[in-house]
Amino acid sequence: MDEKDNIELRSEKVRNLIGQIPPVIIRAGISVIFFIILVLLIGSWFFKFEYTIKSTATINQNTDSLIIKLKIPANEISKIKTGQNVILDFNNIPNLYNEKLVTEIQNVPNILVINEDGGFYTAEIILPEETKIESGRTLSIKKEIKANAVIVTDKISLFDRILEPIMAIFNKRE
């Protein structure tokens, strides 16, 4: 019975392999991979991109002004502030490709509208009648039109963008 208890589980070759320090190539490879990951994390902290909200806009010509009504999704309203840029894109209208109108949010809406499309806030922007688009031409609207709108909220680092959903999960648990 003493012989059964004294069984050697690993051979001498296996014990030597387990006890060895990894060769230089493997250690260098692990160091290079760690260094690349570290550089990517540091780069994601400094690399910033514009955080935007896509929306639709309805443009009407009044007697002395242009009235733009932005449809802002309800879950994005906390990111909207006065003075943020709004870029209206007329690509959905024939013969107006790459024509854009850049304006600003004048006031933050506080009335929530709920319909079959979802929950939205409607921001109203009033521009003078002689409004010029990016190409320098004057914009004149004869009937109500719809345009694509992009609201540029702020610049956010890639690191923060990745970390934001994770932090939201931890904040919900508390």
C-alpha atoms as a PDB file:
ATOM      1  CA  MET A   1       0.000   0.000   0.000  1.00  0.00           C
ATOM      2  CA  ASP A   2       2.903   2.333   0.646  1.00  0.00           C
ATOM      3  CA  GLU A   3       4.053   1.893  -2.935  1.00  0.00           C
ATOM      4  CA  LYS A   4       0.679   3.099  -4.316  1.00  0.00           C
ATOM      5  CA  ASP A   5       0.780   6.300  -2.246  1.00  0.00           C
ATOM      6  CA  ASN A   6       4.264   7.121  -3.450  1.00  0.00           C
ATOM      7  CA  ILE A   7       3.391   7.227  -7.182  1.00  0.00           C
ATOM      8  CA  GLU A   8       5.200   9.908  -9.139  1.00  0.00           C
ATOM      9  CA  LEU A   9       2.576  11.955 -11.006  1.00  0.00           C
ATOM     10  CA  ARG A  10       4.894  13.717 -13.453  1.00  0.00           C
ATOM     11  CA  SER A  11       7.979  12.538 -15.225  1.00  0.00           C
ATOM     12  CA  GLU A  12      11.294  14.303 -14.839  1.00  0.00           C
ATOM     13  CA  LYS A  13      10.989  15.906 -18.318  1.00  0.00           C
ATOM     14  CA  VAL A  14       7.604  17.460 -17.485  1.00  0.00           C
ATOM     15  CA  ARG A  15       8.924  18.834 -14.180  1.00  0.00           C
ATOM     16  CA  ASN A  16      11.869  20.412 -15.992  1.00  0.00           C
ATOM     17  CA  LEU A  17       9.571  22.098 -18.541  1.00  0.00           C
ATOM     18  CA  ILE A  18       7.264  23.460 -15.847  1.00  0.00           C
ATOM     19  CA  GLY A  19      10.160  24.811 -13.827  1.00  0.00           C
ATOM     20  CA  GLN A  20      11.846  26.594 -16.731  1.00  0.00           C
ATOM     21  CA  ILE A  21      11.647  30.334 -17.375  1.00  0.00           C
ATOM     22  CA  PRO A  22      10.149  31.022 -20.840  1.00  0.00           C
ATOM     23  CA  PRO A  23      12.638  31.550 -23.636  1.00  0.00           C
ATOM     24  CA  VAL A  24      13.645  35.107 -24.645  1.00  0.00           C
ATOM     25  CA  ILE A  25      11.411  35.108 -27.729  1.00  0.00           C
ATOM     26  CA  ILE A  26       8.272  34.338 -25.722  1.00  0.00           C
ATOM     27  CA  ARG A  27       9.113  36.935 -23.047  1.00  0.00           C
ATOM     28  CA  ALA A  28       9.812  39.544 -25.722  1.00  0.00           C
ATOM     29  CA  GLY A  29       6.540  38.713 -27.519  1.00  0.00           C
ATOM     30  CA  ILE A  30       4.533  39.108 -24.327  1.00  0.00           C
ATOM     31  CA  SER A  31       6.273  42.434 -23.654  1.00  0.00           C
ATOM     32  CA  VAL A  32       5.550  43.697 -27.181  1.00  0.00           C
ATOM     33  CA  ILE A  33       1.857  42.743 -26.902  1.00  0.00           C
ATOM     34  CA  PHE A  34       1.626  44.500 -23.515  1.00  0.00           C
ATOM     35  CA  PHE A  35       3.345  47.606 -24.943  1.00  0.00           C
ATOM     36  CA  ILE A  36       0.948  47.712 -27.951  1.00  0.00           C
ATOM     37  CA  ILE A  37      -2.105  47.447 -25.678  1.00  0.00           C
ATOM     38  CA  LEU A  38      -0.692  50.191 -23.438  1.00  0.00           C
ATOM     39  CA  VAL A  39      -0.101  52.495 -26.439  1.00  0.00           C
ATOM     40  CA  LEU A  40      -3.653  51.854 -27.702  1.00  0.00           C
ATOM     41  CA  LEU A  41      -5.151  52.695 -24.286  1.00  0.00           C
ATOM     42  CA  ILE A  42      -3.104  55.900 -24.004  1.00  0.00           C
ATOM     43  CA  GLY A  43      -3.995  56.827 -27.603  1.00  0.00           C
ATOM     44  CA  SER A  44      -7.700  56.262 -26.953  1.00  0.00           C
ATOM     45  CA  TRP A  45      -7.470  58.778 -24.114  1.00  0.00           C
ATOM     46  CA  PHE A  46      -6.124  61.519 -26.433  1.00  0.00           C
ATOM     47  CA  PHE A  47      -8.059  60.647 -29.626  1.00  0.00           C
ATOM     48  CA  LYS A  48     -11.290  62.653 -29.578  1.00  0.00           C
ATOM     49  CA  PHE A  49     -14.160  62.591 -32.033  1.00  0.00           C
ATOM     50  CA  GLU A  50     -17.366  64.558 -32.334  1.00  0.00           C
ATOM     51  CA  TYR A  51     -20.382  62.992 -30.697  1.00  0.00           C
ATOM     52  CA  THR A  52     -23.406  63.670 -32.902  1.00  0.00           C
ATOM     53  CA  ILE A  53     -27.143  63.123 -32.771  1.00  0.00           C
ATOM     54  CA  LYS A  54     -28.968  62.372 -36.020  1.00  0.00           C
ATOM     55  CA  SER A  55     -32.335  63.998 -36.453  1.00  0.00           C
ATOM     56  CA  THR A  56     -34.797  65.217 -39.048  1.00  0.00           C
ATOM     57  CA  ALA A  57     -35.691  68.825 -39.695  1.00  0.00           C
ATOM     58  CA  THR A  58     -38.716  70.470 -41.253  1.00  0.00           C
ATOM     59  CA  ILE A  59     -38.049  73.841 -42.869  1.00  0.00           C
ATOM     60  CA  ASN A  60     -40.768  76.413 -43.591  1.00  0.00           C
ATOM     61  CA  GLN A  61     -40.507  79.905 -45.097  1.00  0.00           C
ATOM     62  CA  ASN A  62     -42.309  82.540 -43.073  1.00  0.00           C
ATOM     63  CA  THR A  63     -42.877  86.104 -44.311  1.00  0.00           C
ATOM     64  CA  ASP A  64     -39.567  87.363 -42.955  1.00  0.00           C
ATOM     65  CA  SER A  65     -37.730  84.264 -41.680  1.00  0.00           C
ATOM     66  CA  LEU A  66     -36.972  80.580 -42.051  1.00  0.00           C
ATOM     67  CA  ILE A  67     -38.386  78.334 -39.342  1.00  0.00           C
ATOM     68  CA  ILE A  68     -36.553  75.056 -38.744  1.00  0.00           C
ATOM     69  CA  LYS A  69     -38.152  72.451 -36.491  1.00  0.00           C
ATOM     70  CA  LEU A  70     -35.770  69.737 -35.266  1.00  0.00           C
ATOM     71  CA  LYS A  71     -37.108  66.420 -34.063  1.00  0.00           C
ATOM     72  CA  ILE A  72     -34.759  65.355 -31.230  1.00  0.00           C
ATOM     73  CA  PRO A  73     -35.049  61.811 -29.774  1.00  0.00           C
ATOM     74  CA  ALA A  74     -36.163  61.882 -26.130  1.00  0.00           C
ATOM     75  CA  ASN A  75     -33.255  59.792 -24.882  1.00  0.00           C
ATOM     76  CA  GLU A  76     -30.743  62.299 -26.337  1.00  0.00           C
ATOM     77  CA  ILE A  77     -32.197  65.533 -24.889  1.00  0.00           C
ATOM     78  CA  SER A  78     -29.792  65.579 -21.923  1.00  0.00           C
ATOM     79  CA  LYS A  79     -26.883  66.099 -24.349  1.00  0.00           C
ATOM     80  CA  ILE A  80     -28.467  69.146 -26.054  1.00  0.00           C
ATOM     81  CA  LYS A  81     -27.323  72.645 -25.037  1.00  0.00           C
ATOM     82  CA  THR A  82     -27.853  76.122 -26.410  1.00  0.00           C
ATOM     83  CA  GLY A  83     -25.227  77.120 -28.983  1.00  0.00           C
ATOM     84  CA  GLN A  84     -24.431  73.642 -30.305  1.00  0.00           C
ATOM     85  CA  ASN A  85     -23.976  73.365 -34.074  1.00  0.00           C
ATOM     86  CA  VAL A  86     -26.718  71.909 -36.244  1.00  0.00           C
ATOM     87  CA  ILE A  87     -25.804  70.815 -39.774  1.00  0.00           C
ATOM     88  CA  LEU A  88     -28.742  70.502 -42.165  1.00  0.00           C
ATOM     89  CA  ASP A  89     -28.047  68.235 -45.112  1.00  0.00           C
ATOM     90  CA  PHE A  90     -30.179  68.518 -48.278  1.00  0.00           C
ATOM     91  CA  ASN A  91     -29.048  65.234 -49.895  1.00  0.00           C
ATOM     92  CA  ASN A  92     -32.631  63.919 -49.820  1.00  0.00           C
ATOM     93  CA  ILE A  93     -33.696  66.675 -52.280  1.00  0.00           C
ATOM     94  CA  PRO A  94     -32.909  66.128 -55.974  1.00  0.00           C
ATOM     95  CA  ASN A  95     -30.164  68.366 -57.454  1.00  0.00           C
ATOM     96  CA  LEU A  96     -28.977  69.566 -54.021  1.00  0.00           C
ATOM     97  CA  TYR A  97     -26.240  67.080 -53.221  1.00  0.00           C
ATOM     98  CA  ASN A  98     -23.548  68.281 -50.807  1.00  0.00           C
ATOM     99  CA  GLU A  99     -25.435  71.489 -49.963  1.00  0.00           C
ATOM    100  CA  LYS A 100     -25.464  72.180 -46.228  1.00  0.00           C
ATOM    101  CA  LEU A 101     -26.765  74.803 -43.852  1.00  0.00           C
ATOM    102  CA  VAL A 102     -24.944  75.254 -40.544  1.00  0.00           C
ATOM    103  CA  THR A 103     -26.784  76.936 -37.673  1.00  0.00           C
ATOM    104  CA  GLU A 104     -27.013  76.714 -33.868  1.00  0.00           C
ATOM    105  CA  ILE A 105     -29.485  75.480 -31.270  1.00  0.00           C
ATOM    106  CA  GLN A 106     -31.210  78.622 -29.975  1.00  0.00           C
ATOM    107  CA  ASN A 107     -33.112  77.098 -27.079  1.00  0.00           C
ATOM    108  CA  VAL A 108     -33.480  73.667 -25.526  1.00  0.00           C
ATOM    109  CA  PRO A 109     -37.045  72.327 -25.773  1.00  0.00           C
ATOM    110  CA  ASN A 110     -38.841  71.056 -22.668  1.00  0.00           C
ATOM    111  CA  ILE A 111     -42.076  69.609 -24.109  1.00  0.00           C
ATOM    112  CA  LEU A 112     -42.053  65.890 -24.856  1.00  0.00           C
ATOM    113  CA  VAL A 113     -44.202  64.764 -27.789  1.00  0.00           C
ATOM    114  CA  ILE A 114     -45.121  61.075 -27.976  1.00  0.00           C
ATOM    115  CA  ASN A 115     -46.595  59.568 -31.137  1.00  0.00           C
ATOM    116  CA  GLU A 116     -46.418  56.317 -33.123  1.00  0.00           C
ATOM    117  CA  ASP A 117     -42.813  57.097 -34.124  1.00  0.00           C
ATOM    118  CA  GLY A 118     -41.648  57.378 -30.477  1.00  0.00           C
ATOM    119  CA  GLY A 119     -40.872  60.139 -28.016  1.00  0.00           C
ATOM    120  CA  PHE A 120     -39.366  63.375 -29.334  1.00  0.00           C
ATOM    121  CA  TYR A 121     -38.633  66.937 -28.335  1.00  0.00           C
ATOM    122  CA  THR A 122     -39.083  69.628 -30.963  1.00  0.00           C
ATOM    123  CA  ALA A 123     -36.535  72.429 -31.075  1.00  0.00           C
ATOM    124  CA  GLU A 124     -37.359  75.485 -33.145  1.00  0.00           C
ATOM    125  CA  ILE A 125     -34.664  77.548 -34.865  1.00  0.00           C
ATOM    126  CA  ILE A 126     -35.557  80.856 -36.497  1.00  0.00           C
ATOM    127  CA  LEU A 127     -33.194  82.217 -39.164  1.00  0.00           C
ATOM    128  CA  PRO A 128     -33.364  85.438 -41.178  1.00  0.00           C
ATOM    129  CA  GLU A 129     -34.988  85.239 -44.618  1.00  0.00           C
ATOM    130  CA  GLU A 130     -31.667  85.910 -46.365  1.00  0.00           C
ATOM    131  CA  THR A 131     -29.929  82.797 -44.995  1.00  0.00           C
ATOM    132  CA  LYS A 132     -26.951  81.506 -46.949  1.00  0.00           C
ATOM    133  CA  ILE A 133     -25.945  77.874 -47.286  1.00  0.00           C
ATOM    134  CA  GLU A 134     -22.310  76.696 -47.162  1.00  0.00           C
ATOM    135  CA  SER A 135     -21.705  77.315 -50.874  1.00  0.00           C
ATOM    136  CA  GLY A 136     -22.605  81.012 -50.372  1.00  0.00           C
ATOM    137  CA  ARG A 137     -25.953  80.901 -52.162  1.00  0.00           C
ATOM    138  CA  THR A 138     -29.111  82.301 -50.569  1.00  0.00           C
ATOM    139  CA  LEU A 139     -31.679  79.747 -49.437  1.00  0.00           C
ATOM    140  CA  SER A 140     -35.304  80.399 -50.398  1.00  0.00           C
ATOM    141  CA  ILE A 141     -37.986  77.879 -49.443  1.00  0.00           C
ATOM    142  CA  LYS A 142     -41.301  77.888 -51.327  1.00  0.00           C
ATOM    143  CA  LYS A 143     -42.985  75.030 -49.485  1.00  0.00           C
ATOM    144  CA  GLU A 144     -42.312  72.848 -46.452  1.00  0.00           C
ATOM    145  CA  ILE A 145     -39.311  70.560 -46.944  1.00  0.00           C
ATOM    146  CA  LYS A 146     -37.636  67.913 -44.836  1.00  0.00           C
ATOM    147  CA  ALA A 147     -33.886  67.670 -44.415  1.00  0.00           C
ATOM    148  CA  ASN A 148     -31.501  65.441 -42.517  1.00  0.00           C
ATOM    149  CA  ALA A 149     -29.978  67.117 -39.469  1.00  0.00           C
ATOM    150  CA  VAL A 150     -26.923  66.346 -37.377  1.00  0.00           C
ATOM    151  CA  ILE A 151     -26.459  68.006 -33.999  1.00  0.00           C
ATOM    152  CA  VAL A 152     -22.816  68.161 -32.886  1.00  0.00           C
ATOM    153  CA  THR A 153     -22.993  67.875 -29.111  1.00  0.00           C
ATOM    154  CA  ASP A 154     -19.359  67.723 -27.986  1.00  0.00           C
ATOM    155  CA  LYS A 155     -16.007  66.047 -28.454  1.00  0.00           C
ATOM    156  CA  ILE A 156     -15.498  62.867 -26.473  1.00  0.00           C
ATOM    157  CA  SER A 157     -12.445  60.642 -26.199  1.00  0.00           C
ATOM    158  CA  LEU A 158     -12.630  57.069 -27.401  1.00  0.00           C
ATOM    159  CA  PHE A 159     -11.634  55.921 -23.900  1.00  0.00           C
ATOM    160  CA  ASP A 160     -14.604  57.766 -22.360  1.00  0.00           C
ATOM    161  CA  ARG A 161     -16.929  56.449 -25.077  1.00  0.00           C
ATOM    162  CA  ILE A 162     -15.922  52.869 -24.245  1.00  0.00           C
ATOM    163  CA  LEU A 163     -16.047  53.439 -20.486  1.00  0.00           C
ATOM    164  CA  GLU A 164     -19.437  55.260 -20.464  1.00  0.00           C
ATOM    165  CA  PRO A 165     -21.705  52.171 -20.847  1.00  0.00           C
ATOM    166  CA  ILE A 166     -19.660  50.212 -18.306  1.00  0.00           C
ATOM    167  CA  MET A 167     -19.944  53.001 -15.729  1.00  0.00           C
ATOM    168  CA  ALA A 168     -23.701  53.251 -16.393  1.00  0.00           C
ATOM    169  CA  ILE A 169     -24.093  49.569 -15.489  1.00  0.00           C
ATOM    170  CA  PHE A 170     -22.192  50.014 -12.228  1.00  0.00           C
ATOM    171  CA  ASN A 171     -24.159  53.171 -11.353  1.00  0.00           C
ATOM    172  CA  LYS A 172     -27.470  51.308 -11.804  1.00  0.00           C
ATOM    173  CA  ARG A 173     -26.410  48.639  -9.300  1.00  0.00           C
ATOM    174  CA  GLU A 174     -25.757  51.190  -6.549  1.00  0.00           C
END
